[in-house]
Amino acid sequence: MKPVFHPTKWPNFSKLKLAGSLAVALSLSTSAIAATEPSPPPAKPTPPVTGPAPTQTQTDTFHNEAALLPQDAITHHTGIFDKRKISYTAHTGTLTLRDAEGAPTARVFYVAYTQDGVDPAHRPVAYFFNGGPGAGTAYLHLGAAGPSILSFPNGNPADGANAQLTPNTESWLAAADLVFIDAPGTGWSIPTDAKKAAKAFYGVKQDAHAFAKAIQLWAQSNNRQISPRYLVGESYGGLRAIEVADALAQDQNILVNGILMISPALDMTLLDTANDILATSFVLPSLEASQLALQHKLTPENAAGRLDSAYHYAIGPFLSTLANTPLAGNAAQDFYEDVATHSGIPLETVAKERGMLQPEAHDVRSRNGRLYSLYDGTFSIADPFPEGVENGASPDPILDGFTRAYGSAFEQYAATSLNFRTPLSYSLLNMKVNEAWDYRDGGSPIVRPIPTLRRLLALNPTLRVFIANGYYDLVCPFASSRWVAEHIPVGRNRIALHTYPGGHMIYIRADSRAALAQDAKTFMTP
């Protein structure tokens, strides 16, 4: 899902992503443009065949919501992925995290899909998580990579009320086994002691250690310690993937083969448009791409050139002007006109903001009676407050709209396809987790994961990195990812940058979901 960046409070990310994309109980950003042509109806998978629950190796007694989670479930399926019939097993359940004395600290929910009849030693495993912080992994699970997806009506992608679960013929299962893990406090992952949960799990470092242990537990219990390993994170989950890769190496002696980041929050300071002019510069190319798309001027043939030109204007003339002595008179007017032309934002608004556009501001998002999304600058609804409103009171068409459907859809999917039934609501985005998050890294007030990534690339000469961004994402813009990648001194040739038509949740758009899936599967099977 994505980080959920809160535009008025730093570093509380309650309206930024995601997952891997954040605000009220749901979210990750999205691109929400339907495919231009309907896809042929996919082949239906065979009904799940239920198997016996695995034997518990240790008996624990839980006294809170964790006691309402059922035993693990095993189901058997077949599906058509990349035009191949694949038989696979789904294992749905929990992994128990423990403290130094062996007492349970959390039940971590996961769903693992493993292909039948193949050599597990050489079959890649991809571990997925969304972001938030506080987001469950249903977004990537039902949005991008799992064997089933939540499909929104053709011609009206905002209609979450009528979304349906359908087979995902582009599932990443065609290339790797898939393990979707919910962070403690999200989805159906439940800490055993709510009073101790924040200190134990709700922070950059403790979160990474928890994920590293959960991955080690799953790999050990399934004899997958030497399988090729990939981490897949969306939004804040991109930052998480870097930290988890480091924790796996340091805590569990596990080295990963690759890190895949979707719409990643690579460096929180580079997303803080209220306080950093470099972050402000990174948003401008996404605004320009959104305007070009709305004017039908962005095509597959010219997109690369247009985005490159927008990027160089933003980090060149635009950034240098913001960093210099403030302009006045005709020079200022000329600059504001340039910014208005590039961004599509009315000149009056640009002048009022002195060229430093805050994408979350209502007067930036509201144009011609339409309210545009931070998560996809091309997606809009009728503005419910055309007269103007405080930024925090202005809803996001995607964050506060149709993406809420992922939570209840996952409950339905788990019960009917995975034979996993619980009275607990699936926590799509837990704002208590989000608000309690500790972003510190040792003595630093906020984590800076890029030095960690640089160390990982230098220490592991075969580690490869895949970064995917949507053209129209104003939360984690593609320019930020490009700038970070270009400044990596060692291993730059092992970082693959991909951009797609769409927003923060690239996969909401069917054609971009297919392209992302193909690129990711190719990356995991070099």
Protein backbone atom coordinates (compact mmCIF):
# COMPACT_ATOMS: atom_id res chain seq x y z
CA MET A 1 0.00 0.00 0.00
CA LYS A 2 1.63 3.15 0.33
CA PRO A 3 2.59 5.47 2.98
CA VAL A 4 -0.28 7.59 4.10
CA PHE A 5 1.22 11.03 4.22
CA HIS A 6 -0.51 13.53 6.45
CA PRO A 7 -0.10 16.90 4.73
CA THR A 8 -0.24 19.00 7.88
CA LYS A 9 1.88 17.02 10.32
CA TRP A 10 5.45 15.77 9.93
CA PRO A 11 6.39 12.94 10.12
CA ASN A 12 2.89 11.47 10.68
CA PHE A 13 2.08 9.71 7.40
CA SER A 14 -1.67 9.48 7.68
CA LYS A 15 -2.34 10.72 4.17
CA LEU A 16 0.66 9.72 2.11
CA LYS A 17 0.25 5.47 0.53
CA LEU A 18 0.75 2.13 -0.48
CA ALA A 19 1.64 -0.76 0.49
CA GLY A 20 3.41 -1.80 -0.36
CA SER A 21 0.80 4.21 -0.07
CA LEU A 22 -2.32 6.94 3.79
CA ALA A 23 -5.47 8.02 5.92
CA VAL A 24 -8.57 6.70 7.63
CA ALA A 25 -9.13 2.97 7.64
CA LEU A 26 -7.90 2.26 4.17
CA SER A 27 -5.59 3.25 1.54
CA LEU A 28 -2.83 3.26 -0.80
CA SER A 29 -2.92 5.43 -3.75
CA THR A 30 -4.01 4.44 -7.11
CA SER A 31 -4.19 4.96 -10.73
CA ALA A 32 -7.79 4.59 -11.60
CA ILE A 33 -8.14 4.53 -15.36
CA ALA A 34 -9.78 1.48 -16.83
CA ALA A 35 -8.26 -0.36 -19.77
CA THR A 36 -9.37 0.96 -23.10
CA GLU A 37 -10.52 -2.47 -24.27
CA PRO A 38 -12.16 -5.12 -22.11
CA SER A 39 -10.06 -8.20 -21.51
CA PRO A 40 -11.46 -11.59 -22.52
CA PRO A 41 -13.07 -13.40 -19.61
CA PRO A 42 -10.33 -15.27 -17.73
CA ALA A 43 -10.52 -18.99 -17.14
CA LYS A 44 -12.10 -19.79 -13.82
CA PRO A 45 -9.92 -21.61 -11.29
CA THR A 46 -11.09 -24.92 -9.93
CA PRO A 47 -12.90 -24.68 -6.59
CA PRO A 48 -10.58 -24.85 -3.58
CA VAL A 49 -10.00 -28.27 -2.09
CA THR A 50 -9.68 -28.04 1.65
CA GLY A 51 -6.96 -29.96 3.44
CA PRO A 52 -6.36 -30.62 7.11
CA ALA A 53 -4.94 -27.91 9.30
CA PRO A 54 -1.26 -28.42 10.08
CA THR A 55 -0.26 -29.80 13.44
CA GLN A 56 0.67 -27.11 15.97
CA THR A 57 4.20 -27.54 17.26
CA GLN A 58 3.56 -25.49 20.39
CA THR A 59 0.37 -24.74 22.27
CA ASP A 60 -0.22 -21.12 23.28
CA THR A 61 -3.16 -19.55 25.03
CA PHE A 62 -4.28 -16.15 23.77
CA HIS A 63 -6.60 -13.84 25.69
CA ASN A 64 -7.33 -10.96 23.29
CA GLU A 65 -8.47 -10.80 19.67
CA ALA A 66 -5.68 -13.21 18.79
CA ALA A 67 -7.83 -15.96 20.29
CA LEU A 68 -10.43 -15.34 17.55
CA LEU A 69 -8.07 -16.31 14.76
CA PRO A 70 -8.78 -19.84 13.53
CA GLN A 71 -6.31 -22.63 12.94
CA ASP A 72 -4.27 -22.54 9.77
CA ALA A 73 -6.04 -23.68 6.60
CA ILE A 74 -4.70 -25.44 3.53
CA THR A 75 -6.52 -25.34 0.19
CA HIS A 76 -5.58 -26.65 -3.25
CA HIS A 77 -6.27 -24.83 -6.50
CA THR A 78 -5.55 -24.61 -10.20
CA GLY A 79 -5.46 -21.45 -12.28
CA ILE A 80 -4.41 -20.09 -15.67
CA PHE A 81 -1.46 -17.72 -15.30
CA ASP A 82 0.49 -16.40 -18.28
CA LYS A 83 -1.55 -18.84 -20.41
CA ARG A 84 -0.27 -21.83 -18.41
CA LYS A 85 -2.33 -24.07 -16.16
CA ILE A 86 -0.70 -24.12 -12.73
CA SER A 87 -1.66 -26.21 -9.72
CA TYR A 88 -0.85 -24.57 -6.41
CA THR A 89 -1.44 -24.81 -2.69
CA ALA A 90 -2.59 -21.94 -0.48
CA HIS A 91 -1.56 -22.01 3.17
CA THR A 92 -3.37 -19.40 5.27
CA GLY A 93 -2.57 -18.88 8.92
CA THR A 94 -0.36 -17.18 11.46
CA LEU A 95 3.25 -17.17 12.58
CA THR A 96 3.92 -16.62 16.28
CA LEU A 97 6.54 -14.05 17.24
CA ARG A 98 8.08 -14.45 20.70
CA ASP A 99 10.13 -12.44 23.15
CA ALA A 100 13.48 -13.48 24.62
CA GLU A 101 11.71 -15.66 27.20
CA GLY A 102 9.70 -17.47 24.54
CA ALA A 103 6.39 -15.81 25.39
CA PRO A 104 4.19 -14.94 22.38
CA THR A 105 4.21 -11.28 21.38
CA ALA A 106 2.14 -11.40 18.17
CA ARG A 107 0.30 -13.68 15.79
CA VAL A 108 1.36 -12.58 12.31
CA PHE A 109 -1.16 -13.36 9.57
CA TYR A 110 0.06 -14.58 6.20
CA VAL A 111 -1.11 -16.28 3.02
CA ALA A 112 1.41 -18.37 1.07
CA TYR A 113 0.86 -19.68 -2.46
CA THR A 114 3.27 -22.40 -3.59
CA GLN A 115 3.31 -24.10 -6.97
CA ASP A 116 2.86 -27.86 -6.86
CA GLY A 117 5.30 -30.31 -8.41
CA VAL A 118 8.39 -28.09 -8.71
CA ASP A 119 11.79 -28.11 -7.02
CA PRO A 120 11.42 -25.63 -4.13
CA ALA A 121 15.17 -25.10 -3.87
CA HIS A 122 15.18 -23.30 -7.23
CA ARG A 123 11.70 -21.79 -7.15
CA PRO A 124 11.84 -18.07 -6.18
CA VAL A 125 9.85 -16.86 -3.17
CA ALA A 126 8.48 -13.30 -3.06
CA TYR A 127 7.52 -11.85 0.32
CA PHE A 128 4.96 -9.02 0.12
CA PHE A 129 3.98 -6.21 2.46
CA ASN A 130 2.20 -2.91 2.08
CA GLY A 131 3.05 0.31 3.86
CA GLY A 132 1.15 2.94 5.77
CA PRO A 133 2.59 2.50 8.25
CA GLY A 134 -0.45 0.60 9.46
CA ALA A 135 -1.67 -0.81 6.14
CA GLY A 136 -2.61 -4.44 5.59
CA THR A 137 -1.29 -6.32 2.57
CA ALA A 138 -4.69 -6.82 0.91
CA TYR A 139 -3.81 -4.06 -1.57
CA LEU A 140 -0.94 -5.94 -3.21
CA HIS A 141 -2.68 -9.27 -2.63
CA LEU A 142 -5.99 -8.44 -4.33
CA GLY A 143 -4.74 -5.53 -6.40
CA ALA A 144 -1.61 -6.74 -8.12
CA ALA A 145 0.01 -10.09 -7.55
CA GLY A 146 -2.28 -12.74 -6.05
CA PRO A 147 -4.23 -15.38 -7.99
CA SER A 148 -7.44 -13.34 -7.57
CA ILE A 149 -7.94 -9.60 -7.88
CA LEU A 150 -10.63 -7.07 -7.07
CA SER A 151 -11.92 -5.75 -10.39
CA PHE A 152 -13.74 -2.43 -10.62
CA PRO A 153 -16.49 -1.87 -13.21
CA ASN A 154 -15.33 -0.97 -16.71
CA GLY A 155 -16.03 2.65 -17.47
CA ASN A 156 -16.50 3.55 -13.80
CA PRO A 157 -13.40 2.59 -11.81
CA ALA A 158 -14.58 4.71 -8.88
CA ASP A 159 -17.46 2.31 -8.25
CA GLY A 160 -16.06 0.32 -5.35
CA ALA A 161 -19.54 -0.75 -4.28
CA ASN A 162 -19.86 -3.01 -7.33
CA ALA A 163 -16.29 -4.33 -7.49
CA GLN A 164 -15.99 -8.09 -7.95
CA LEU A 165 -13.36 -10.73 -7.23
CA THR A 166 -12.05 -12.26 -10.47
CA PRO A 167 -9.16 -14.56 -11.45
CA ASN A 168 -5.87 -12.74 -12.02
CA THR A 169 -4.41 -14.25 -15.18
CA GLU A 170 -1.30 -12.08 -14.70
CA SER A 171 -0.59 -13.31 -11.15
CA TRP A 172 3.05 -13.23 -10.13
CA LEU A 173 2.57 -16.89 -9.14
CA ALA A 174 3.62 -17.71 -12.71
CA ALA A 175 7.20 -16.80 -11.74
CA ALA A 176 7.50 -17.26 -7.98
CA ASP A 177 5.82 -18.56 -4.86
CA LEU A 178 4.07 -15.72 -3.05
CA VAL A 179 3.92 -15.00 0.69
CA PHE A 180 1.75 -12.05 1.77
CA ILE A 181 2.43 -10.88 5.34
CA ASP A 182 0.47 -8.36 7.42
CA ALA A 183 2.48 -6.19 9.81
CA PRO A 184 1.54 -6.53 13.51
CA GLY A 185 -1.47 -4.32 14.17
CA THR A 186 -2.70 -4.52 10.56
CA GLY A 187 -4.87 -6.94 8.62
CA TRP A 188 -5.26 -9.96 10.87
CA SER A 189 -1.84 -9.69 12.55
CA ILE A 190 -2.50 -9.15 16.24
CA PRO A 191 -0.06 -8.28 19.06
CA THR A 192 -0.77 -10.29 22.20
CA ASP A 193 -0.45 -7.25 24.50
CA ALA A 194 -1.89 -4.02 23.13
CA LYS A 195 -0.12 -1.97 25.83
CA LYS A 196 3.29 -3.22 24.71
CA ALA A 197 2.59 -3.25 20.97
CA ALA A 198 3.85 0.25 20.16
CA LYS A 199 7.23 -0.30 21.77
CA ALA A 200 7.56 -3.82 20.36
CA PHE A 201 6.39 -3.26 16.77
CA TYR A 202 5.37 0.29 15.81
CA GLY A 203 8.63 1.77 14.60
CA VAL A 204 11.04 1.50 11.69
CA LYS A 205 13.60 -0.75 13.34
CA GLN A 206 11.34 -2.96 15.47
CA ASP A 207 9.04 -3.43 12.47
CA ALA A 208 11.96 -4.57 10.30
CA HIS A 209 13.13 -7.04 12.95
CA ALA A 210 9.59 -8.46 13.26
CA PHE A 211 9.28 -8.98 9.51
CA ALA A 212 12.73 -10.55 9.32
CA LYS A 213 11.79 -13.05 12.01
CA ALA A 214 8.43 -13.83 10.37
CA ILE A 215 10.17 -14.50 7.06
CA GLN A 216 12.74 -16.73 8.78
CA LEU A 217 9.97 -18.69 10.53
CA TRP A 218 8.10 -19.30 7.29
CA ALA A 219 11.22 -20.24 5.33
CA GLN A 220 12.40 -22.60 8.06
CA SER A 221 9.06 -24.37 8.48
CA ASN A 222 8.71 -24.81 4.71
CA ASN A 223 12.33 -25.75 3.91
CA ARG A 224 12.82 -22.65 1.76
CA GLN A 225 16.04 -21.30 3.29
CA ILE A 226 18.00 -21.57 0.04
CA SER A 227 15.28 -20.62 -2.44
CA PRO A 228 15.89 -17.35 -4.31
CA ARG A 229 14.37 -14.62 -2.11
CA TYR A 230 12.68 -11.36 -3.12
CA LEU A 231 11.08 -8.64 -1.01
CA VAL A 232 8.15 -6.67 -2.47
CA GLY A 233 6.97 -3.50 -0.74
CA GLU A 234 4.62 -0.70 -1.73
CA SER A 235 4.81 2.94 -0.63
CA TYR A 236 6.17 2.95 2.94
CA GLY A 237 6.69 -0.72 2.18
CA GLY A 238 9.53 0.33 -0.12
CA LEU A 239 11.41 1.84 2.81
CA ARG A 240 10.40 -1.23 4.84
CA ALA A 241 11.86 -3.56 2.19
CA ILE A 242 15.28 -1.93 2.52
CA GLU A 243 15.16 -2.15 6.31
CA VAL A 244 13.90 -5.76 6.26
CA ALA A 245 16.67 -6.79 3.85
CA ASP A 246 19.19 -5.35 6.30
CA ALA A 247 17.50 -7.02 9.30
CA LEU A 248 17.40 -10.37 7.49
CA ALA A 249 21.15 -10.17 6.90
CA GLN A 250 22.02 -8.95 10.39
CA ASP A 251 19.50 -10.92 12.50
CA GLN A 252 18.82 -14.07 10.49
CA ASN A 253 21.90 -14.46 8.25
CA ILE A 254 19.61 -14.42 5.20
CA LEU A 255 20.66 -12.54 2.07
CA VAL A 256 18.01 -11.55 -0.46
CA ASN A 257 18.39 -11.77 -4.22
CA GLY A 258 16.27 -8.76 -5.01
CA ILE A 259 14.12 -5.92 -3.68
CA LEU A 260 11.04 -4.76 -5.60
CA MET A 261 9.56 -1.40 -4.58
CA ILE A 262 6.26 -0.10 -5.92
CA SER A 263 5.61 3.64 -5.58
CA PRO A 264 8.20 3.68 -2.79
CA ALA A 265 8.82 6.18 -0.05
CA LEU A 266 12.59 5.96 -0.41
CA ASP A 267 13.41 8.92 1.80
CA MET A 268 10.73 10.63 3.87
CA THR A 269 12.43 14.01 3.77
CA LEU A 270 12.24 13.94 -0.03
CA LEU A 271 8.45 13.69 0.19
CA ASP A 272 8.01 16.62 2.60
CA THR A 273 6.82 19.30 0.19
CA ALA A 274 5.95 21.64 3.05
CA ASN A 275 9.56 21.90 4.20
CA ASP A 276 11.85 20.82 1.37
CA ILE A 277 12.10 22.54 -2.01
CA LEU A 278 13.71 19.43 -3.50
CA ALA A 279 10.56 17.50 -2.57
CA THR A 280 8.48 20.29 -4.12
CA SER A 281 10.49 19.96 -7.31
CA PHE A 282 9.88 16.21 -7.49
CA VAL A 283 6.10 16.71 -7.56
CA LEU A 284 6.12 19.05 -10.56
CA PRO A 285 6.84 16.37 -13.25
CA SER A 286 3.91 14.29 -11.97
CA LEU A 287 1.65 17.34 -12.16
CA GLU A 288 2.86 17.95 -15.72
CA ALA A 289 2.31 14.32 -16.71
CA SER A 290 -1.20 14.45 -15.25
CA GLN A 291 -2.05 17.58 -17.22
CA LEU A 292 -0.70 16.10 -20.46
CA ALA A 293 -2.73 12.94 -19.92
CA LEU A 294 -5.91 14.91 -19.26
CA GLN A 295 -5.29 16.80 -22.51
CA HIS A 296 -4.67 13.51 -24.36
CA LYS A 297 -1.14 14.67 -25.19
CA LEU A 298 0.74 11.87 -23.43
CA THR A 299 1.11 8.76 -25.57
CA PRO A 300 3.17 5.56 -25.35
CA GLU A 301 5.37 6.97 -28.09
CA ASN A 302 6.18 10.32 -26.47
CA ALA A 303 5.85 9.53 -22.74
CA ALA A 304 9.53 8.82 -22.07
CA GLY A 305 10.66 12.04 -23.73
CA ARG A 306 7.96 14.15 -22.10
CA LEU A 307 8.70 12.79 -18.62
CA ASP A 308 12.43 13.29 -19.09
CA SER A 309 11.92 16.90 -20.16
CA ALA A 310 9.61 17.54 -17.21
CA TYR A 311 12.14 16.02 -14.82
CA HIS A 312 15.02 18.16 -16.04
CA TYR A 313 12.96 21.36 -15.88
CA ALA A 314 11.94 20.54 -12.31
CA ILE A 315 15.42 19.78 -10.94
CA GLY A 316 17.02 22.48 -13.10
CA PRO A 317 15.43 25.90 -13.70
CA PHE A 318 12.52 25.34 -11.30
CA LEU A 319 14.63 24.15 -8.36
CA SER A 320 17.34 26.75 -8.85
CA THR A 321 14.73 29.51 -8.89
CA LEU A 322 13.18 28.31 -5.64
CA ALA A 323 16.62 28.04 -4.02
CA ASN A 324 17.65 31.53 -5.12
CA THR A 325 16.68 35.00 -3.97
CA PRO A 326 12.88 35.38 -4.32
CA LEU A 327 11.87 36.90 -7.63
CA ALA A 328 9.83 40.08 -7.94
CA GLY A 329 8.02 42.04 -10.61
CA ASN A 330 8.11 40.79 -14.20
CA ALA A 331 10.67 38.08 -13.40
CA ALA A 332 8.34 36.59 -10.80
CA GLN A 333 5.38 36.80 -13.18
CA ASP A 334 7.34 35.01 -15.92
CA PHE A 335 8.33 32.26 -13.48
CA TYR A 336 4.74 31.78 -12.27
CA GLU A 337 3.53 31.54 -15.87
CA ASP A 338 6.14 28.85 -16.58
CA VAL A 339 5.07 26.86 -13.52
CA ALA A 340 1.40 27.19 -14.44
CA THR A 341 2.16 25.94 -17.94
CA HIS A 342 4.09 22.93 -16.68
CA SER A 343 1.73 22.02 -13.83
CA GLY A 344 -1.70 22.82 -15.22
CA ILE A 345 -2.47 24.69 -11.99
CA PRO A 346 -4.18 28.09 -12.51
CA LEU A 347 -1.79 31.05 -12.62
CA GLU A 348 -3.60 32.76 -9.74
CA THR A 349 -2.98 29.75 -7.48
CA VAL A 350 0.65 29.44 -8.56
CA ALA A 351 1.28 33.12 -7.83
CA LYS A 352 -0.39 32.88 -4.42
CA GLU A 353 1.89 29.93 -3.55
CA ARG A 354 4.92 31.74 -5.06
CA GLY A 355 5.49 28.73 -7.30
CA MET A 356 5.93 26.33 -4.36
CA LEU A 357 2.90 24.16 -4.96
CA GLN A 358 1.65 21.96 -2.13
CA PRO A 359 -0.16 19.11 -3.90
CA GLU A 360 -2.38 18.34 -0.91
CA ALA A 361 -3.77 21.90 -0.79
CA HIS A 362 -7.44 22.12 -1.70
CA ASP A 363 -6.95 25.06 -4.05
CA VAL A 364 -4.28 23.08 -5.94
CA ARG A 365 -6.44 19.98 -6.21
CA SER A 366 -9.73 21.76 -6.98
CA ARG A 367 -10.13 22.93 -10.57
CA ASN A 368 -13.22 23.66 -12.65
CA GLY A 369 -15.54 22.11 -10.10
CA ARG A 370 -13.53 18.87 -9.92
CA LEU A 371 -11.45 17.62 -6.99
CA TYR A 372 -8.32 15.72 -8.06
CA SER A 373 -6.61 12.95 -6.14
CA LEU A 374 -3.14 13.09 -4.63
CA TYR A 375 -2.82 9.42 -5.52
CA ASP A 376 -3.54 9.94 -9.21
CA GLY A 377 -3.45 13.46 -10.61
CA THR A 378 -5.75 12.48 -13.48
CA PHE A 379 -8.53 11.09 -11.29
CA SER A 380 -11.24 13.41 -9.98
CA ILE A 381 -14.72 13.62 -8.56
CA ALA A 382 -17.16 16.51 -8.32
CA ASP A 383 -15.72 18.80 -5.66
CA PRO A 384 -17.99 18.56 -2.60
CA PHE A 385 -16.58 21.89 -1.35
CA PRO A 386 -16.18 24.14 -4.42
CA GLU A 387 -16.27 27.20 -2.17
CA GLY A 388 -13.06 26.01 -0.50
CA VAL A 389 -12.30 24.15 2.70
CA GLU A 390 -9.43 23.47 5.08
CA ASN A 391 -6.99 21.03 3.50
CA GLY A 392 -7.55 18.38 6.16
CA ALA A 393 -11.31 18.41 5.55
CA SER A 394 -11.01 17.85 1.82
CA PRO A 395 -11.49 14.17 0.94
CA ASP A 396 -9.27 12.30 -1.47
CA PRO A 397 -11.21 10.70 -4.34
CA ILE A 398 -9.09 7.54 -4.15
CA LEU A 399 -7.91 7.36 -0.56
CA ASP A 400 -11.36 8.04 0.85
CA GLY A 401 -13.22 6.43 -2.03
CA PHE A 402 -13.32 3.13 -3.88
CA THR A 403 -10.15 1.61 -2.40
CA ARG A 404 -12.05 1.01 0.83
CA ALA A 405 -13.50 -2.02 -0.93
CA TYR A 406 -10.27 -3.98 -0.54
CA GLY A 407 -10.92 -4.70 3.14
CA SER A 408 -14.31 -6.39 2.92
CA ALA A 409 -13.31 -8.06 -0.35
CA PHE A 410 -10.39 -9.71 1.38
CA GLU A 411 -12.64 -11.00 4.17
CA GLN A 412 -14.88 -12.55 1.51
CA TYR A 413 -11.95 -14.02 -0.38
CA ALA A 414 -10.34 -15.52 2.73
CA ALA A 415 -13.58 -17.19 3.80
CA THR A 416 -14.70 -18.57 0.44
CA SER A 417 -11.43 -19.32 -1.35
CA LEU A 418 -8.97 -19.93 1.49
CA ASN A 419 -11.33 -21.52 4.05
CA PHE A 420 -10.13 -19.02 6.69
CA ARG A 421 -13.07 -17.63 8.66
CA THR A 422 -12.90 -15.26 11.59
CA PRO A 423 -15.33 -12.75 13.12
CA LEU A 424 -12.53 -10.18 13.20
CA SER A 425 -12.67 -7.30 10.74
CA TYR A 426 -9.66 -7.10 8.45
CA SER A 427 -7.76 -3.93 9.43
CA LEU A 428 -6.98 -2.41 6.05
CA LEU A 429 -5.34 0.64 7.60
CA ASN A 430 -4.91 1.00 11.34
CA MET A 431 -4.58 4.69 12.12
CA LYS A 432 -3.56 3.99 15.71
CA VAL A 433 -0.50 2.22 14.34
CA ASN A 434 0.09 5.06 11.91
CA GLU A 435 -0.09 7.74 14.59
CA ALA A 436 2.11 5.80 17.03
CA TRP A 437 4.87 5.11 14.49
CA ASP A 438 8.45 5.82 15.56
CA TYR A 439 10.45 7.05 12.56
CA ARG A 440 13.70 7.47 14.48
CA ASP A 441 16.87 5.63 13.60
CA GLY A 442 19.22 5.60 16.57
CA GLY A 443 20.11 9.21 17.28
CA SER A 444 18.57 10.45 14.03
CA PRO A 445 15.10 12.04 14.27
CA ILE A 446 13.96 10.28 11.10
CA VAL A 447 15.18 7.18 9.31
CA ARG A 448 17.27 7.64 6.16
CA PRO A 449 17.20 4.26 4.38
CA ILE A 450 19.33 5.20 1.37
CA PRO A 451 22.68 4.71 3.18
CA THR A 452 21.40 1.26 4.15
CA LEU A 453 20.55 0.50 0.52
CA ARG A 454 24.01 1.66 -0.54
CA ARG A 455 25.62 -0.70 1.97
CA LEU A 456 23.43 -3.61 0.85
CA LEU A 457 24.36 -3.07 -2.80
CA ALA A 458 28.06 -2.87 -1.96
CA LEU A 459 28.09 -5.90 0.35
CA ASN A 460 26.03 -8.11 -1.97
CA PRO A 461 27.33 -7.78 -5.55
CA THR A 462 24.41 -9.80 -6.96
CA LEU A 463 21.62 -7.88 -5.20
CA ARG A 464 19.27 -6.28 -7.73
CA VAL A 465 16.66 -3.57 -7.16
CA PHE A 466 13.41 -2.94 -9.06
CA ILE A 467 11.61 0.39 -8.60
CA ALA A 468 8.18 1.04 -10.14
CA ASN A 469 6.36 4.38 -10.19
CA GLY A 470 3.19 5.77 -11.72
CA TYR A 471 3.34 8.86 -13.91
CA TYR A 472 0.57 10.62 -11.99
CA ASP A 473 1.51 9.83 -8.38
CA LEU A 474 1.74 13.04 -6.33
CA VAL A 475 2.43 11.16 -3.08
CA CYS A 476 5.61 9.27 -4.00
CA PRO A 477 6.49 10.86 -7.36
CA PHE A 478 8.61 9.12 -9.97
CA ALA A 479 11.10 12.00 -9.96
CA SER A 480 12.03 11.22 -6.37
CA SER A 481 12.86 7.60 -7.21
CA ARG A 482 14.87 8.63 -10.25
CA TRP A 483 16.89 11.21 -8.34
CA VAL A 484 17.70 8.77 -5.54
CA ALA A 485 18.72 6.03 -7.98
CA GLU A 486 20.93 8.39 -9.98
CA HIS A 487 22.86 9.27 -6.82
CA ILE A 488 23.67 5.68 -5.79
CA PRO A 489 27.46 5.37 -6.28
CA VAL A 490 27.83 1.56 -6.19
CA GLY A 491 25.50 -0.84 -7.99
CA ARG A 492 23.61 1.77 -10.00
CA ASN A 493 23.62 -0.68 -12.93
CA ARG A 494 21.69 -3.15 -10.75
CA ILE A 495 18.79 -0.74 -10.15
CA ALA A 496 15.97 -0.98 -12.70
CA LEU A 497 13.61 2.01 -12.90
CA HIS A 498 10.15 1.50 -14.41
CA THR A 499 7.35 4.02 -14.92
CA TYR A 500 3.77 3.28 -15.93
CA PRO A 501 0.59 5.20 -16.78
CA GLY A 502 -1.20 5.42 -13.46
CA GLY A 503 -0.94 6.73 -9.96
CA HIS A 504 0.28 5.51 -6.59
CA MET A 505 -1.51 2.18 -6.95
CA ILE A 506 -0.24 1.48 -10.44
CA TYR A 507 -2.15 -1.78 -10.68
CA ILE A 508 -5.64 -0.27 -10.47
CA ARG A 509 -5.33 0.36 -14.20
CA ALA A 510 -5.57 -2.98 -16.02
CA ASP A 511 -2.97 -2.30 -18.71
CA SER A 512 -0.44 -1.01 -16.21
CA ARG A 513 -1.12 -3.94 -13.88
CA ALA A 514 -0.29 -6.32 -16.73
CA ALA A 515 2.88 -4.42 -17.64
CA LEU A 516 4.02 -4.22 -14.02
CA ALA A 517 3.39 -7.94 -13.55
CA GLN A 518 5.36 -8.85 -16.66
CA ASP A 519 8.31 -6.67 -15.67
CA ALA A 520 8.32 -8.01 -12.11
CA LYS A 521 8.15 -11.63 -13.24
CA THR A 522 10.99 -11.06 -15.68
CA PHE A 523 13.02 -9.46 -12.88
CA MET A 524 12.52 -12.47 -10.59
CA THR A 525 13.48 -15.00 -13.26
CA PRO A 526 16.69 -13.56 -14.74
